[in-house]
Amino acid sequence: MGLKTILFGLAIWGIYLIIRHLVRQRSIDQTTSREVKSVESVECAHCGLHLPKTEAVAKNGVYYCSKEHLIAAESSKPTDHE
């Protein structure tokens, strides 16, 4: 009777350890499988600052970090007068 009880207890303990391991592994997999979102960045044509493309001011395919730098870059361009 005593040997059967000990073996039964060991079997229950083994099942508990296996279940605990599987639950922990599942929670680790869920936390590490979160995908990191990358953000496309662009460089300001006036000052060289890198910033997310969604925050940049664009004109004719050229990106600026602010409206002020867009205006400054346009005012510094040489004008063609014929």
N, C-alpha and C. Protein backbone atom coordinates (compact mmCIF):
# COMPACT_ATOMS: atom_id res chain seq x y z
N MET A 1 0.83 -1.19 0.00
CA MET A 1 0.00 0.00 0.00
C MET A 1 0.87 1.25 0.00
N GLY A 2 1.95 1.30 0.76
CA GLY A 2 2.81 2.48 0.86
C GLY A 2 3.55 2.75 -0.44
N LEU A 3 4.01 1.72 -1.13
CA LEU A 3 4.74 1.90 -2.39
C LEU A 3 3.83 2.46 -3.47
N LYS A 4 2.58 1.96 -3.50
CA LYS A 4 1.62 2.46 -4.49
C LYS A 4 1.33 3.94 -4.26
N THR A 5 1.23 4.36 -3.03
CA THR A 5 0.95 5.76 -2.70
C THR A 5 2.11 6.65 -3.12
N ILE A 6 3.33 6.18 -2.86
CA ILE A 6 4.51 6.96 -3.25
C ILE A 6 4.60 7.08 -4.76
N LEU A 7 4.39 6.01 -5.50
CA LEU A 7 4.44 6.04 -6.96
C LEU A 7 3.33 6.93 -7.53
N PHE A 8 2.14 6.87 -6.94
CA PHE A 8 1.03 7.71 -7.37
C PHE A 8 1.37 9.19 -7.14
N GLY A 9 1.94 9.49 -5.99
CA GLY A 9 2.34 10.86 -5.69
C GLY A 9 3.41 11.37 -6.65
N LEU A 10 4.38 10.52 -6.97
CA LEU A 10 5.42 10.90 -7.93
C LEU A 10 4.83 11.13 -9.33
N ALA A 11 3.86 10.32 -9.71
CA ALA A 11 3.22 10.50 -11.01
C ALA A 11 2.47 11.83 -11.05
N ILE A 12 1.73 12.15 -10.00
CA ILE A 12 1.01 13.42 -9.92
C ILE A 12 2.01 14.59 -9.96
N TRP A 13 3.09 14.47 -9.19
CA TRP A 13 4.11 15.52 -9.16
C TRP A 13 4.74 15.70 -10.55
N GLY A 14 5.01 14.62 -11.26
CA GLY A 14 5.57 14.69 -12.61
C GLY A 14 4.61 15.38 -13.58
N ILE A 15 3.33 15.05 -13.50
CA ILE A 15 2.33 15.69 -14.36
C ILE A 15 2.26 17.18 -14.05
N TYR A 16 2.32 17.54 -12.78
CA TYR A 16 2.30 18.94 -12.37
C TYR A 16 3.49 19.70 -12.96
N LEU A 17 4.67 19.11 -12.89
CA LEU A 17 5.87 19.76 -13.43
C LEU A 17 5.79 19.95 -14.94
N ILE A 18 5.25 18.96 -15.64
CA ILE A 18 5.12 19.06 -17.10
C ILE A 18 4.14 20.17 -17.47
N ILE A 19 3.00 20.21 -16.79
CA ILE A 19 1.99 21.23 -17.07
C ILE A 19 2.55 22.62 -16.76
N ARG A 20 3.25 22.76 -15.64
CA ARG A 20 3.82 24.05 -15.27
C ARG A 20 4.84 24.50 -16.31
N HIS A 21 5.66 23.58 -16.80
CA HIS A 21 6.64 23.91 -17.83
C HIS A 21 5.94 24.38 -19.12
N LEU A 22 4.90 23.68 -19.53
CA LEU A 22 4.19 24.05 -20.75
C LEU A 22 3.53 25.42 -20.63
N VAL A 23 2.95 25.71 -19.47
CA VAL A 23 2.31 27.01 -19.26
C VAL A 23 3.34 28.12 -19.28
N ARG A 24 4.46 27.93 -18.63
CA ARG A 24 5.52 28.95 -18.64
C ARG A 24 6.09 29.15 -20.04
N GLN A 25 6.28 28.08 -20.77
CA GLN A 25 6.82 28.17 -22.12
C GLN A 25 5.86 28.93 -23.02
N ARG A 26 4.58 28.70 -22.84
CA ARG A 26 3.57 29.39 -23.66
C ARG A 26 3.57 30.89 -23.36
N SER A 27 3.69 31.26 -22.09
CA SER A 27 3.70 32.68 -21.76
C SER A 27 4.98 33.35 -22.26
N ILE A 28 6.09 32.65 -22.25
CA ILE A 28 7.35 33.19 -22.78
C ILE A 28 7.23 33.38 -24.29
N ASP A 29 6.64 32.40 -24.99
CA ASP A 29 6.47 32.50 -26.43
C ASP A 29 5.58 33.67 -26.81
N GLN A 30 4.56 33.93 -26.03
CA GLN A 30 3.65 35.03 -26.33
C GLN A 30 4.33 36.38 -26.14
N THR A 31 5.16 36.51 -25.13
CA THR A 31 5.82 37.79 -24.90
C THR A 31 6.93 38.05 -25.90
N THR A 32 7.61 37.02 -26.37
CA THR A 32 8.70 37.22 -27.32
C THR A 32 8.23 37.27 -28.76
N SER A 33 7.01 36.85 -29.03
CA SER A 33 6.54 36.83 -30.41
C SER A 33 5.91 38.16 -30.82
N ARG A 34 5.89 39.13 -29.94
CA ARG A 34 5.36 40.44 -30.31
C ARG A 34 6.27 41.05 -31.37
N GLU A 35 5.67 41.46 -32.44
CA GLU A 35 6.44 41.97 -33.56
C GLU A 35 6.81 43.43 -33.33
N VAL A 36 8.05 43.75 -33.60
CA VAL A 36 8.51 45.11 -33.47
C VAL A 36 8.19 45.84 -34.77
N LYS A 37 7.51 46.96 -34.65
CA LYS A 37 7.15 47.71 -35.84
C LYS A 37 8.29 48.66 -36.19
N SER A 38 8.70 48.60 -37.43
CA SER A 38 9.76 49.50 -37.86
C SER A 38 9.14 50.75 -38.48
N VAL A 39 9.86 51.82 -38.36
CA VAL A 39 9.38 53.10 -38.87
C VAL A 39 10.36 53.58 -39.93
N GLU A 40 9.83 53.95 -41.07
CA GLU A 40 10.69 54.47 -42.13
C GLU A 40 11.09 55.90 -41.77
N SER A 41 12.37 56.18 -41.85
CA SER A 41 12.85 57.52 -41.50
C SER A 41 13.42 58.20 -42.74
N VAL A 42 13.37 59.53 -42.70
CA VAL A 42 13.89 60.35 -43.78
C VAL A 42 14.80 61.41 -43.19
N GLU A 43 15.59 62.03 -44.05
CA GLU A 43 16.53 63.06 -43.61
C GLU A 43 16.05 64.42 -44.09
N CYS A 44 16.09 65.40 -43.20
CA CYS A 44 15.73 66.76 -43.56
C CYS A 44 16.77 67.28 -44.56
N ALA A 45 16.28 67.80 -45.69
CA ALA A 45 17.17 68.30 -46.74
C ALA A 45 17.88 69.58 -46.32
N HIS A 46 17.39 70.24 -45.30
CA HIS A 46 17.99 71.51 -44.88
C HIS A 46 19.04 71.31 -43.77
N CYS A 47 18.67 70.58 -42.71
CA CYS A 47 19.58 70.46 -41.56
C CYS A 47 20.16 69.06 -41.36
N GLY A 48 19.63 68.05 -42.05
CA GLY A 48 20.18 66.70 -41.94
C GLY A 48 19.60 65.86 -40.82
N LEU A 49 18.62 66.39 -40.11
CA LEU A 49 18.00 65.64 -39.02
C LEU A 49 17.23 64.46 -39.57
N HIS A 50 17.35 63.30 -38.92
CA HIS A 50 16.57 62.12 -39.30
C HIS A 50 15.32 62.08 -38.44
N LEU A 51 14.17 61.85 -39.09
CA LEU A 51 12.91 61.79 -38.37
C LEU A 51 11.98 60.82 -39.08
N PRO A 52 10.92 60.35 -38.38
CA PRO A 52 9.97 59.44 -39.02
C PRO A 52 9.32 60.11 -40.24
N LYS A 53 9.13 59.33 -41.27
CA LYS A 53 8.55 59.86 -42.51
C LYS A 53 7.16 60.44 -42.27
N THR A 54 6.43 59.87 -41.32
CA THR A 54 5.08 60.35 -41.04
C THR A 54 5.08 61.73 -40.40
N GLU A 55 6.18 62.14 -39.81
CA GLU A 55 6.26 63.45 -39.15
C GLU A 55 6.94 64.51 -40.04
N ALA A 56 7.45 64.10 -41.17
CA ALA A 56 8.19 65.02 -42.03
C ALA A 56 7.24 65.83 -42.92
N VAL A 57 7.75 66.98 -43.35
CA VAL A 57 7.04 67.83 -44.31
C VAL A 57 7.68 67.56 -45.67
N ALA A 58 6.85 67.17 -46.64
CA ALA A 58 7.39 66.80 -47.94
C ALA A 58 6.93 67.76 -49.03
N LYS A 59 7.83 68.00 -49.95
CA LYS A 59 7.49 68.81 -51.13
C LYS A 59 8.35 68.31 -52.29
N ASN A 60 7.70 67.89 -53.35
CA ASN A 60 8.38 67.38 -54.56
C ASN A 60 9.34 66.24 -54.23
N GLY A 61 8.95 65.37 -53.32
CA GLY A 61 9.77 64.22 -52.97
C GLY A 61 10.95 64.53 -52.07
N VAL A 62 11.05 65.75 -51.59
CA VAL A 62 12.12 66.15 -50.69
C VAL A 62 11.50 66.36 -49.31
N TYR A 63 12.17 65.88 -48.28
CA TYR A 63 11.61 65.92 -46.93
C TYR A 63 12.33 66.94 -46.05
N TYR A 64 11.54 67.58 -45.19
CA TYR A 64 12.06 68.57 -44.25
C TYR A 64 11.49 68.26 -42.87
N CYS A 65 12.18 68.70 -41.83
CA CYS A 65 11.73 68.42 -40.46
C CYS A 65 10.66 69.39 -40.01
N SER A 66 10.53 70.54 -40.68
CA SER A 66 9.51 71.51 -40.30
C SER A 66 9.18 72.41 -41.49
N LYS A 67 8.09 73.14 -41.37
CA LYS A 67 7.72 74.09 -42.42
C LYS A 67 8.75 75.20 -42.53
N GLU A 68 9.34 75.57 -41.41
CA GLU A 68 10.35 76.62 -41.40
C GLU A 68 11.57 76.21 -42.25
N HIS A 69 11.97 74.94 -42.14
CA HIS A 69 13.12 74.49 -42.93
C HIS A 69 12.75 74.35 -44.40
N LEU A 70 11.52 74.02 -44.69
CA LEU A 70 11.06 74.00 -46.08
C LEU A 70 11.15 75.40 -46.67
N ILE A 71 10.66 76.38 -45.94
CA ILE A 71 10.70 77.78 -46.41
C ILE A 71 12.15 78.26 -46.52
N ALA A 72 12.98 77.93 -45.53
CA ALA A 72 14.38 78.35 -45.56
C ALA A 72 15.11 77.72 -46.74
N ALA A 73 14.83 76.46 -47.03
CA ALA A 73 15.49 75.79 -48.15
C ALA A 73 15.04 76.39 -49.47
N GLU A 74 13.75 76.73 -49.58
CA GLU A 74 13.25 77.33 -50.81
C GLU A 74 13.81 78.73 -51.02
N SER A 75 13.96 79.48 -49.93
CA SER A 75 14.47 80.85 -50.07
C SER A 75 15.97 80.88 -50.36
N SER A 76 16.69 79.81 -50.02
CA SER A 76 18.13 79.77 -50.27
C SER A 76 18.47 79.23 -51.65
N LYS A 77 17.46 78.72 -52.37
CA LYS A 77 17.71 78.20 -53.73
C LYS A 77 17.95 79.37 -54.67
N PRO A 78 18.90 79.22 -55.58
CA PRO A 78 19.10 80.27 -56.58
C PRO A 78 17.94 80.27 -57.57
N THR A 79 17.49 81.43 -57.92
CA THR A 79 16.38 81.54 -58.86
C THR A 79 16.94 81.75 -60.26
N ASP A 80 16.25 81.21 -61.24
CA ASP A 80 16.66 81.32 -62.63
C ASP A 80 15.93 82.49 -63.27
N HIS A 81 16.62 83.60 -63.47
CA HIS A 81 16.03 84.76 -64.15
C HIS A 81 16.70 84.88 -65.52
N GLU A 82 15.89 84.95 -66.52
CA GLU A 82 16.47 85.06 -67.86
C GLU A 82 16.37 86.44 -68.39
